N, C-alpha and C. Protein backbone atom coordinates (compact mmCIF):
# COMPACT_ATOMS: atom_id res chain seq x y z
N MET A 1 -121.55 -94.44 59.63
CA MET A 1 -122.27 -93.75 58.55
C MET A 1 -121.64 -94.19 56.96
N ILE A 2 -122.32 -95.27 56.77
CA ILE A 2 -121.96 -96.04 55.43
C ILE A 2 -122.79 -95.38 54.42
N ARG A 3 -121.68 -95.07 53.38
CA ARG A 3 -122.74 -94.32 52.14
C ARG A 3 -122.66 -95.78 51.26
N ILE A 4 -123.76 -95.62 50.53
CA ILE A 4 -123.94 -96.63 49.46
C ILE A 4 -123.61 -96.01 48.22
N ILE A 5 -122.70 -96.69 47.55
CA ILE A 5 -122.46 -95.85 46.11
C ILE A 5 -123.21 -96.65 45.17
N THR A 6 -124.01 -95.66 44.59
CA THR A 6 -124.72 -95.93 43.38
C THR A 6 -124.30 -95.56 42.00
N ARG A 7 -125.13 -95.88 41.14
CA ARG A 7 -124.37 -95.29 39.99
C ARG A 7 -124.53 -94.19 39.70
N ALA A 8 -125.55 -93.66 40.04
CA ALA A 8 -125.90 -92.10 40.03
C ALA A 8 -124.87 -91.52 40.48
N ARG A 9 -124.34 -91.89 41.94
CA ARG A 9 -123.24 -91.26 42.65
C ARG A 9 -122.06 -91.27 42.02
N LEU A 10 -121.73 -92.53 41.34
CA LEU A 10 -120.63 -92.59 40.56
C LEU A 10 -120.19 -91.94 39.21
N VAL A 11 -121.74 -91.62 38.80
CA VAL A 11 -121.56 -90.81 37.59
C VAL A 11 -121.47 -89.37 37.99
N ALA A 12 -122.23 -88.90 39.28
CA ALA A 12 -121.82 -87.58 39.74
C ALA A 12 -120.61 -87.45 40.03
N LEU A 13 -119.77 -88.25 40.73
CA LEU A 13 -118.52 -88.30 41.38
C LEU A 13 -117.60 -88.07 40.02
N GLN A 14 -117.93 -89.04 38.83
CA GLN A 14 -117.14 -88.93 37.51
C GLN A 14 -117.26 -87.60 36.88
N GLN A 15 -118.20 -86.94 37.08
CA GLN A 15 -118.61 -85.70 36.46
C GLN A 15 -117.91 -84.53 37.46
N GLU A 16 -117.81 -84.93 38.48
CA GLU A 16 -117.04 -83.68 39.49
C GLU A 16 -115.53 -84.09 39.26
N ALA A 17 -115.09 -85.38 39.19
CA ALA A 17 -113.68 -85.49 38.70
C ALA A 17 -113.20 -84.80 37.53
N ASP A 18 -114.05 -85.03 36.37
CA ASP A 18 -113.99 -84.51 35.03
C ASP A 18 -113.85 -83.15 35.14
N GLN A 19 -114.70 -82.49 35.77
CA GLN A 19 -114.80 -80.87 36.10
C GLN A 19 -113.54 -80.44 36.85
N ALA A 20 -112.83 -81.47 37.90
CA ALA A 20 -111.95 -80.97 38.52
C ALA A 20 -110.62 -81.14 37.61
N ARG A 21 -110.84 -81.86 36.58
CA ARG A 21 -109.39 -82.26 35.93
C ARG A 21 -109.25 -80.83 34.80
N ALA A 22 -110.54 -80.78 34.51
CA ALA A 22 -110.72 -79.92 33.27
C ALA A 22 -110.00 -78.16 33.96
N GLN A 23 -110.64 -78.13 35.36
CA GLN A 23 -110.37 -76.88 35.92
C GLN A 23 -108.71 -76.91 36.33
N ALA A 24 -108.34 -78.08 36.42
CA ALA A 24 -106.62 -78.16 36.68
C ALA A 24 -106.07 -77.92 35.45
N ARG A 25 -106.50 -78.52 34.23
CA ARG A 25 -105.99 -78.08 32.94
C ARG A 25 -105.82 -76.67 32.62
N GLU A 26 -107.09 -76.13 32.77
CA GLU A 26 -107.29 -74.77 32.77
C GLU A 26 -106.28 -73.66 33.74
N VAL A 27 -106.15 -74.40 34.79
CA VAL A 27 -105.58 -73.30 35.79
C VAL A 27 -104.00 -73.72 35.67
N GLN A 28 -103.69 -75.02 35.02
CA GLN A 28 -102.18 -75.22 34.69
C GLN A 28 -101.81 -74.43 33.53
N GLY A 29 -102.75 -74.27 32.44
CA GLY A 29 -102.28 -73.55 31.29
C GLY A 29 -102.43 -72.33 31.55
N GLN A 30 -102.93 -71.52 32.50
CA GLN A 30 -102.96 -70.05 32.82
C GLN A 30 -101.57 -69.95 33.59
N ALA A 31 -101.19 -71.06 34.27
CA ALA A 31 -100.07 -70.99 35.07
C ALA A 31 -98.73 -71.04 34.06
N ASP A 32 -98.97 -72.08 33.11
CA ASP A 32 -97.95 -72.06 32.09
C ASP A 32 -97.92 -70.80 31.25
N ALA A 33 -99.16 -70.16 30.58
CA ALA A 33 -98.95 -69.07 30.17
C ALA A 33 -98.31 -67.99 31.01
N ALA A 34 -98.50 -67.93 32.10
CA ALA A 34 -98.24 -66.72 33.19
C ALA A 34 -96.33 -67.04 33.43
N TYR A 35 -96.01 -68.25 33.64
CA TYR A 35 -94.57 -68.78 33.57
C TYR A 35 -94.06 -68.01 32.15
N ALA A 36 -94.82 -68.57 30.95
CA ALA A 36 -94.03 -68.23 29.73
C ALA A 36 -94.06 -66.66 29.61
N ARG A 37 -95.03 -65.99 29.97
CA ARG A 37 -94.83 -64.63 30.10
C ARG A 37 -93.60 -63.94 30.95
N HIS A 38 -93.53 -64.46 32.15
CA HIS A 38 -92.83 -64.03 33.36
C HIS A 38 -91.07 -64.69 32.61
N VAL A 39 -90.94 -65.63 31.93
CA VAL A 39 -89.68 -65.84 31.18
C VAL A 39 -89.28 -65.01 29.95
N ARG A 40 -90.33 -64.79 29.32
CA ARG A 40 -90.17 -63.82 28.43
C ARG A 40 -89.96 -62.11 28.80
N THR A 41 -90.59 -61.94 29.96
CA THR A 41 -90.14 -60.50 30.53
C THR A 41 -88.96 -60.56 31.00
N ALA A 42 -88.40 -61.71 31.58
CA ALA A 42 -87.11 -61.73 32.08
C ALA A 42 -86.03 -61.79 31.25
N TRP A 43 -86.42 -62.35 29.84
CA TRP A 43 -85.59 -62.61 29.00
C TRP A 43 -85.22 -61.19 28.48
N ASN A 44 -86.56 -60.35 27.94
CA ASN A 44 -86.41 -59.07 27.60
C ASN A 44 -85.69 -58.32 28.48
N LEU A 45 -85.94 -58.04 29.72
CA LEU A 45 -85.59 -57.22 30.55
C LEU A 45 -83.76 -57.49 30.59
N THR A 46 -83.39 -58.81 30.52
CA THR A 46 -82.06 -59.18 30.56
C THR A 46 -81.02 -58.68 29.42
N ALA A 47 -81.75 -58.72 28.36
CA ALA A 47 -81.53 -58.23 26.80
C ALA A 47 -81.27 -56.67 27.00
N GLU A 48 -82.46 -56.09 27.36
CA GLU A 48 -82.56 -54.97 27.50
C GLU A 48 -81.27 -54.12 28.88
N ALA A 49 -81.17 -54.91 29.65
CA ALA A 49 -80.03 -54.63 30.77
C ALA A 49 -78.53 -54.66 30.20
N GLU A 50 -78.33 -55.62 29.43
CA GLU A 50 -77.30 -56.07 28.48
C GLU A 50 -76.89 -54.76 27.46
N ALA A 51 -78.17 -54.55 26.78
CA ALA A 51 -77.93 -53.50 25.98
C ALA A 51 -77.45 -52.07 26.59
N ALA A 52 -78.18 -51.77 27.71
CA ALA A 52 -77.85 -50.64 28.50
C ALA A 52 -76.59 -50.61 29.05
N GLU A 53 -75.88 -51.75 29.44
CA GLU A 53 -74.61 -51.98 29.77
C GLU A 53 -73.69 -51.61 28.44
N ARG A 54 -73.90 -51.98 27.84
CA ARG A 54 -73.05 -51.85 26.30
C ARG A 54 -73.07 -50.40 25.98
N ALA A 55 -74.36 -49.71 25.84
CA ALA A 55 -74.41 -48.34 25.61
C ALA A 55 -73.72 -47.49 26.82
N ALA A 56 -73.77 -47.96 27.85
CA ALA A 56 -73.28 -47.20 28.89
C ALA A 56 -71.66 -47.27 29.02
N GLU A 57 -71.01 -48.42 28.42
CA GLU A 57 -69.72 -48.27 28.22
C GLU A 57 -69.19 -47.84 27.03
N THR A 58 -70.03 -47.81 26.17
CA THR A 58 -69.49 -46.90 24.80
C THR A 58 -69.53 -45.48 25.48
N ALA A 59 -70.45 -45.05 26.24
CA ALA A 59 -70.71 -43.74 26.47
C ALA A 59 -69.67 -43.34 27.29
N ARG A 60 -69.30 -44.16 28.02
CA ARG A 60 -67.93 -43.97 29.19
C ARG A 60 -66.71 -43.88 28.18
N THR A 61 -66.59 -44.54 27.20
CA THR A 61 -65.32 -44.54 26.22
C THR A 61 -65.61 -43.31 25.52
N GLN A 62 -66.62 -42.69 24.97
CA GLN A 62 -66.82 -41.56 24.42
C GLN A 62 -66.49 -40.56 25.27
N VAL A 63 -66.67 -40.51 26.60
CA VAL A 63 -66.67 -39.52 27.45
C VAL A 63 -65.11 -39.58 27.69
N GLU A 64 -64.39 -40.83 28.09
CA GLU A 64 -62.93 -40.56 28.06
C GLU A 64 -62.41 -39.90 26.77
N ASP A 65 -62.57 -40.47 25.71
CA ASP A 65 -61.99 -39.67 24.68
C ASP A 65 -62.25 -38.16 24.62
N LEU A 66 -63.48 -37.94 24.70
CA LEU A 66 -63.69 -36.44 24.93
C LEU A 66 -62.96 -35.41 25.74
N ALA A 67 -62.80 -36.32 26.81
CA ALA A 67 -62.17 -35.65 27.98
C ALA A 67 -60.70 -35.61 27.69
N GLN A 68 -60.14 -36.65 26.86
CA GLN A 68 -58.97 -36.45 26.40
C GLN A 68 -58.43 -35.41 25.18
N ALA A 69 -59.32 -35.25 24.49
CA ALA A 69 -59.48 -34.27 23.37
C ALA A 69 -59.41 -33.25 24.02
N LEU A 70 -60.48 -32.69 25.07
CA LEU A 70 -60.46 -31.55 25.50
C LEU A 70 -59.22 -31.08 26.25
N GLU A 71 -58.46 -32.11 26.87
CA GLU A 71 -57.31 -31.75 27.68
C GLU A 71 -56.24 -31.28 26.52
N ARG A 72 -56.22 -31.99 25.42
CA ARG A 72 -55.35 -31.56 24.35
C ARG A 72 -55.57 -30.16 23.82
N VAL A 73 -56.74 -29.98 23.57
CA VAL A 73 -57.16 -28.62 23.01
C VAL A 73 -57.07 -27.38 24.06
N GLN A 74 -57.20 -27.73 25.31
CA GLN A 74 -56.87 -26.87 26.41
C GLN A 74 -55.28 -26.54 26.60
N ALA A 75 -54.51 -27.35 26.22
CA ALA A 75 -53.08 -27.33 26.29
C ALA A 75 -52.55 -26.63 24.92
N GLU A 76 -53.37 -26.82 23.91
CA GLU A 76 -53.04 -26.24 22.75
C GLU A 76 -53.57 -24.54 23.08
N LEU A 77 -54.58 -24.46 23.57
CA LEU A 77 -55.11 -23.18 23.72
C LEU A 77 -54.04 -22.41 24.85
N VAL A 78 -53.61 -22.80 25.81
CA VAL A 78 -52.79 -22.18 26.61
C VAL A 78 -51.43 -21.89 26.05
N GLN A 79 -50.86 -22.72 24.99
CA GLN A 79 -49.72 -22.56 24.36
C GLN A 79 -50.14 -21.41 23.14
N THR A 80 -51.38 -21.40 22.62
CA THR A 80 -51.71 -20.28 21.72
C THR A 80 -51.45 -19.11 22.25
N LEU A 81 -52.29 -19.12 23.60
CA LEU A 81 -52.53 -17.77 24.26
C LEU A 81 -51.08 -17.50 24.41
N GLY A 82 -50.11 -18.26 24.89
CA GLY A 82 -48.81 -17.76 25.26
C GLY A 82 -48.12 -17.02 23.83
N THR A 83 -48.35 -17.62 22.84
CA THR A 83 -47.62 -17.27 21.52
C THR A 83 -48.37 -16.03 21.09
N VAL A 84 -49.75 -15.70 21.10
CA VAL A 84 -50.46 -14.67 21.08
C VAL A 84 -49.91 -13.50 22.13
N ALA A 85 -49.69 -13.62 23.25
CA ALA A 85 -49.26 -12.63 24.26
C ALA A 85 -47.60 -12.27 23.88
N ARG A 86 -46.89 -13.21 23.61
CA ARG A 86 -45.55 -12.89 22.85
C ARG A 86 -45.66 -12.07 21.56
N GLN A 87 -46.59 -12.27 20.67
CA GLN A 87 -46.51 -11.78 19.34
C GLN A 87 -47.03 -10.38 19.83
N ASP A 88 -48.22 -10.39 20.71
CA ASP A 88 -48.75 -9.04 20.99
C ASP A 88 -47.54 -7.95 21.48
N ALA A 89 -46.60 -8.73 22.52
CA ALA A 89 -45.76 -7.64 22.87
C ALA A 89 -44.78 -7.39 21.88
N ARG A 90 -44.47 -8.37 21.22
CA ARG A 90 -43.46 -8.06 20.00
C ARG A 90 -44.01 -6.98 18.86
N ILE A 91 -45.47 -7.10 18.57
CA ILE A 91 -45.90 -5.99 17.95
C ILE A 91 -45.95 -4.49 18.70
N GLU A 92 -46.21 -4.73 19.82
CA GLU A 92 -46.30 -3.09 20.69
C GLU A 92 -44.77 -2.67 20.47
N GLU A 93 -43.98 -3.63 20.77
CA GLU A 93 -42.39 -3.25 20.70
C GLU A 93 -42.09 -2.97 19.16
N LEU A 94 -42.39 -3.51 18.31
CA LEU A 94 -42.00 -2.93 17.17
C LEU A 94 -43.11 -1.66 16.46
N SER A 95 -43.96 -1.49 16.98
CA SER A 95 -44.95 -0.27 16.79
C SER A 95 -44.59 0.76 17.48
N ALA A 96 -43.86 0.93 18.46
CA ALA A 96 -43.28 1.98 19.21
C ALA A 96 -42.53 2.63 18.11
N PRO A 97 -42.00 4.15 18.08
CA PRO A 97 -41.25 4.89 17.28
C PRO A 97 -39.93 4.57 17.48
N ALA A 98 -39.19 4.56 16.33
CA ALA A 98 -37.57 4.08 16.28
C ALA A 98 -36.92 5.45 17.13
N PRO A 99 -36.27 5.11 17.88
CA PRO A 99 -35.18 6.16 18.58
C PRO A 99 -34.38 6.74 17.41
N ALA A 100 -34.04 8.01 17.69
CA ALA A 100 -32.79 8.56 16.72
C ALA A 100 -31.88 7.61 16.93
N GLY A 101 -31.06 7.33 15.65
CA GLY A 101 -29.60 6.61 15.72
C GLY A 101 -30.04 5.16 15.70
N ALA A 102 -31.30 4.88 15.74
CA ALA A 102 -31.38 3.05 15.71
C ALA A 102 -31.14 2.73 14.67
N SER A 103 -30.85 1.31 14.61
CA SER A 103 -30.30 0.75 13.38
C SER A 103 -31.10 -0.58 13.15
N MET A 104 -30.73 -1.08 11.82
CA MET A 104 -31.78 -2.33 11.52
C MET A 104 -30.91 -2.83 10.49
N VAL A 105 -31.10 -4.23 10.33
CA VAL A 105 -30.33 -4.95 8.95
C VAL A 105 -31.41 -5.42 8.02
N LEU A 106 -31.41 -4.90 6.84
CA LEU A 106 -32.15 -5.73 5.70
C LEU A 106 -31.29 -6.79 5.17
N LEU A 107 -32.32 -8.08 5.13
CA LEU A 107 -31.45 -9.25 4.75
C LEU A 107 -32.00 -9.29 3.24
N LEU A 108 -30.88 -9.35 2.22
CA LEU A 108 -31.31 -9.42 0.79
C LEU A 108 -30.95 -10.89 0.35
N HIS A 109 -31.90 -11.51 -0.42
CA HIS A 109 -31.61 -12.63 -1.08
C HIS A 109 -31.59 -12.44 -2.59
N TYR A 110 -30.41 -12.80 -3.04
CA TYR A 110 -30.31 -12.58 -4.53
C TYR A 110 -30.66 -11.00 -4.77
N GLY A 111 -30.27 -10.03 -3.93
CA GLY A 111 -30.55 -8.57 -4.29
C GLY A 111 -32.05 -8.15 -3.83
N LYS A 112 -33.02 -9.29 -3.51
CA LYS A 112 -34.38 -8.98 -3.27
C LYS A 112 -34.82 -8.91 -1.61
N PRO A 113 -35.45 -7.78 -1.21
CA PRO A 113 -35.64 -7.67 0.25
C PRO A 113 -36.19 -9.00 0.68
N HIS A 114 -35.66 -9.61 1.94
CA HIS A 114 -36.17 -10.91 2.44
C HIS A 114 -36.96 -10.61 3.84
N SER A 115 -35.78 -10.23 4.60
CA SER A 115 -36.36 -9.84 6.05
C SER A 115 -35.87 -8.70 6.84
N ILE A 116 -36.15 -8.10 7.79
CA ILE A 116 -35.60 -6.95 8.44
C ILE A 116 -35.45 -7.68 9.76
N HIS A 117 -34.17 -7.21 10.46
CA HIS A 117 -33.63 -7.63 11.79
C HIS A 117 -32.85 -6.72 12.38
N PRO A 118 -33.02 -6.71 13.80
CA PRO A 118 -32.30 -5.69 14.69
C PRO A 118 -30.98 -5.32 14.58
N ASP A 119 -30.09 -6.50 14.09
CA ASP A 119 -28.65 -6.30 13.95
C ASP A 119 -28.17 -7.56 12.82
N GLU A 120 -27.01 -7.32 12.53
CA GLU A 120 -26.22 -8.28 11.81
C GLU A 120 -26.47 -9.87 12.42
N ALA A 121 -26.14 -9.54 13.69
CA ALA A 121 -26.10 -11.09 14.16
C ALA A 121 -27.28 -11.98 14.00
N ALA A 122 -28.38 -11.05 14.36
CA ALA A 122 -29.95 -11.51 14.27
C ALA A 122 -29.99 -12.16 12.72
N ALA A 123 -29.59 -11.06 11.55
CA ALA A 123 -30.22 -11.40 10.42
C ALA A 123 -29.24 -12.98 10.15
N HIS A 124 -27.67 -12.98 10.39
CA HIS A 124 -27.11 -14.12 10.31
C HIS A 124 -27.69 -15.35 11.13
N ALA A 125 -28.26 -15.11 12.26
CA ALA A 125 -28.89 -16.22 12.75
C ALA A 125 -30.24 -16.71 12.17
N TYR A 126 -30.86 -15.43 11.64
CA TYR A 126 -32.19 -16.20 10.86
C TYR A 126 -31.90 -16.79 9.68
N ALA A 127 -30.83 -16.41 9.10
CA ALA A 127 -30.36 -16.92 7.55
C ALA A 127 -29.77 -18.30 7.69
N ALA A 128 -29.32 -18.84 9.05
CA ALA A 128 -28.77 -20.09 9.31
C ALA A 128 -29.92 -21.16 9.54
N THR A 129 -31.42 -20.44 9.90
CA THR A 129 -32.29 -21.39 9.92
C THR A 129 -32.79 -21.75 8.45
N LEU A 130 -32.13 -21.07 7.69
CA LEU A 130 -32.44 -21.18 6.02
C LEU A 130 -31.56 -22.25 5.32
N GLY A 131 -30.63 -22.63 6.27
CA GLY A 131 -29.52 -23.38 5.46
C GLY A 131 -28.04 -22.66 5.34
N VAL A 132 -28.08 -21.46 5.86
CA VAL A 132 -26.93 -20.67 5.33
C VAL A 132 -26.05 -21.04 6.63
N PRO A 133 -24.80 -21.46 6.20
CA PRO A 133 -23.68 -21.26 7.24
C PRO A 133 -23.31 -20.12 7.92
N LEU A 134 -23.26 -20.24 9.35
CA LEU A 134 -22.95 -19.01 10.24
C LEU A 134 -21.37 -18.61 9.55
N SER A 135 -20.62 -19.57 9.20
CA SER A 135 -19.27 -19.14 8.85
C SER A 135 -19.21 -18.65 7.36
N GLY A 136 -20.27 -18.67 6.65
CA GLY A 136 -19.92 -18.36 5.27
C GLY A 136 -20.29 -16.96 4.97
N TRP A 137 -20.55 -15.95 5.93
CA TRP A 137 -20.57 -14.64 5.42
C TRP A 137 -19.16 -14.11 4.98
N VAL A 138 -19.08 -13.37 4.13
CA VAL A 138 -17.75 -12.70 3.97
C VAL A 138 -18.18 -11.16 3.18
N PRO A 139 -17.35 -10.36 3.39
CA PRO A 139 -17.71 -9.06 2.84
C PRO A 139 -17.97 -9.02 1.25
N VAL A 140 -19.05 -7.99 1.00
CA VAL A 140 -19.90 -8.08 -0.31
C VAL A 140 -18.82 -7.68 -1.45
N GLY A 141 -18.07 -6.66 -0.99
CA GLY A 141 -17.27 -5.79 -2.01
C GLY A 141 -17.78 -5.24 -3.26
N GLU A 142 -17.26 -5.52 -4.45
CA GLU A 142 -17.92 -4.61 -5.48
C GLU A 142 -19.12 -5.54 -6.18
N ARG A 143 -19.36 -6.68 -5.73
CA ARG A 143 -20.46 -7.50 -6.38
C ARG A 143 -21.68 -6.79 -6.37
N ALA A 144 -22.36 -6.71 -7.49
CA ALA A 144 -23.87 -6.61 -7.46
C ALA A 144 -24.78 -7.33 -6.41
N ALA A 145 -25.75 -6.37 -5.86
CA ALA A 145 -26.52 -7.20 -5.02
C ALA A 145 -27.22 -8.47 -5.43
N ALA A 146 -27.56 -8.30 -6.65
CA ALA A 146 -28.38 -9.39 -7.01
C ALA A 146 -27.65 -10.80 -7.55
N GLU A 147 -25.93 -10.64 -7.31
CA GLU A 147 -25.22 -11.63 -7.56
C GLU A 147 -24.77 -12.39 -6.12
N ALA A 148 -25.23 -11.75 -5.07
CA ALA A 148 -24.76 -12.15 -3.88
C ALA A 148 -26.21 -13.20 -3.25
N TRP A 149 -25.67 -14.50 -2.97
CA TRP A 149 -26.88 -15.21 -2.27
C TRP A 149 -27.42 -14.67 -1.06
N TRP A 150 -26.86 -14.34 -0.16
CA TRP A 150 -27.38 -13.40 0.87
C TRP A 150 -26.51 -12.38 1.29
N ARG A 151 -27.36 -11.32 1.38
CA ARG A 151 -26.33 -9.81 1.94
C ARG A 151 -27.24 -9.24 2.92
N CYS A 152 -26.47 -8.54 3.83
CA CYS A 152 -26.89 -7.68 4.93
C CYS A 152 -26.81 -6.18 4.49
N VAL A 153 -27.63 -5.63 4.54
CA VAL A 153 -27.62 -4.00 4.29
C VAL A 153 -27.99 -3.26 5.43
N PRO A 154 -26.88 -2.70 5.86
CA PRO A 154 -27.46 -1.74 7.55
C PRO A 154 -28.32 -0.66 7.12
N PHE A 155 -29.05 -0.22 7.95
CA PHE A 155 -29.89 1.28 7.80
C PHE A 155 -29.73 1.75 9.24
N ILE A 156 -29.84 3.22 9.33
CA ILE A 156 -30.02 3.66 10.63
C ILE A 156 -31.54 4.65 10.66
N TYR A 157 -31.98 5.23 11.44
CA TYR A 157 -33.13 5.93 11.53
C TYR A 157 -32.61 7.26 11.62
N ASP A 158 -33.13 8.04 10.71
CA ASP A 158 -32.83 9.45 10.49
C ASP A 158 -33.95 10.17 11.04
N ALA A 159 -34.01 10.75 12.42
CA ALA A 159 -35.14 11.59 12.95
C ALA A 159 -35.50 12.77 12.35
N GLY A 160 -34.41 13.33 11.62
CA GLY A 160 -34.87 14.88 10.88
C GLY A 160 -35.73 14.54 10.05
N ARG A 161 -35.61 13.04 9.03
CA ARG A 161 -36.39 13.17 8.00
C ARG A 161 -37.46 11.90 8.45
N ASP A 162 -37.45 11.59 9.57
CA ASP A 162 -38.50 10.31 9.77
C ASP A 162 -38.36 9.16 8.93
N HIS A 163 -37.18 8.46 8.71
CA HIS A 163 -37.31 7.41 7.92
C HIS A 163 -35.63 6.79 8.08
N PHE A 164 -35.80 5.40 7.69
CA PHE A 164 -34.33 4.63 7.78
C PHE A 164 -33.63 5.27 6.36
N ARG A 165 -32.31 5.37 6.45
CA ARG A 165 -31.33 5.38 5.29
C ARG A 165 -30.38 4.55 5.57
N SER A 166 -29.70 4.23 4.55
CA SER A 166 -28.65 3.18 4.18
C SER A 166 -27.39 3.60 4.89
N VAL A 167 -26.82 2.82 5.69
CA VAL A 167 -25.28 3.51 6.35
C VAL A 167 -24.40 3.57 5.14
N ALA A 168 -24.64 2.75 4.01
CA ALA A 168 -23.48 2.72 3.18
C ALA A 168 -23.67 4.10 1.94
N ALA A 169 -25.00 4.46 2.19
CA ALA A 169 -25.17 5.37 1.14
C ALA A 169 -24.95 6.90 1.79
N PRO A 170 -24.60 7.91 1.07
CA PRO A 170 -24.46 9.27 1.90
C PRO A 170 -25.62 9.73 1.94
N ALA A 171 -25.95 10.77 3.01
CA ALA A 171 -27.29 11.22 3.02
C ALA A 171 -27.48 12.37 1.83
N VAL A 172 -28.32 12.45 1.14
CA VAL A 172 -28.65 13.49 0.08
C VAL A 172 -29.78 14.22 0.16
N GLU A 173 -29.57 15.43 0.26
CA GLU A 173 -30.47 16.35 0.34
C GLU A 173 -31.52 16.33 -0.73
N PRO A 174 -32.86 16.50 -0.74
CA PRO A 174 -33.58 16.38 -1.96
C PRO A 174 -33.66 17.61 -2.50
N SER A 175 -33.82 17.33 -3.77
CA SER A 175 -33.66 18.40 -4.69
C SER A 175 -35.05 19.50 -4.95
N GLY A 176 -34.99 20.36 -4.94
CA GLY A 176 -36.35 21.24 -5.04
C GLY A 176 -37.00 21.27 -3.65
N GLY A 177 -36.39 20.85 -2.52
CA GLY A 177 -37.26 20.90 -1.40
C GLY A 177 -38.23 19.72 -0.89
N VAL A 178 -38.11 18.87 -1.89
CA VAL A 178 -39.28 17.78 -1.85
C VAL A 178 -38.83 16.60 -1.04
N ALA A 179 -39.40 16.12 -0.35
CA ALA A 179 -38.63 14.96 0.59
C ALA A 179 -39.32 13.70 -0.28
């Protein structure tokens, strides 16, 4: 079967070839557009993934910092609770009524009351924290209290009158029955 190629057949074949090329160009354009969308999508997804990784790393760092801060706060809280418990016990101890004959020492600084201590050794130890040498305590003698840098004044609890009184001062009865 031999076909004879005629001009009309050549024109028809040329038109078919032109249509096929046009269709190929259109399909190639669609493929190129699809590929470009794919590349843009891959690029955008990669950028989003990298941003998410950076955000996750930042969040991890912040969580670690917060965890360390929480540990420090918890340690401070435990320490504070211990301090509060000790102070509460001390308040309870100091709030209890004084037994008869109980004594204390008033620490004076240039004649003005500074602090109260259970005994003279405790007053001297406290004054040492303020820079007073432990060996620097001497009997007061006749000097006025306002002239002495630091001075200890002992007191005892007088249960009959429900108050403390100076050991150095004699017990004086109130005049007119007024306490």
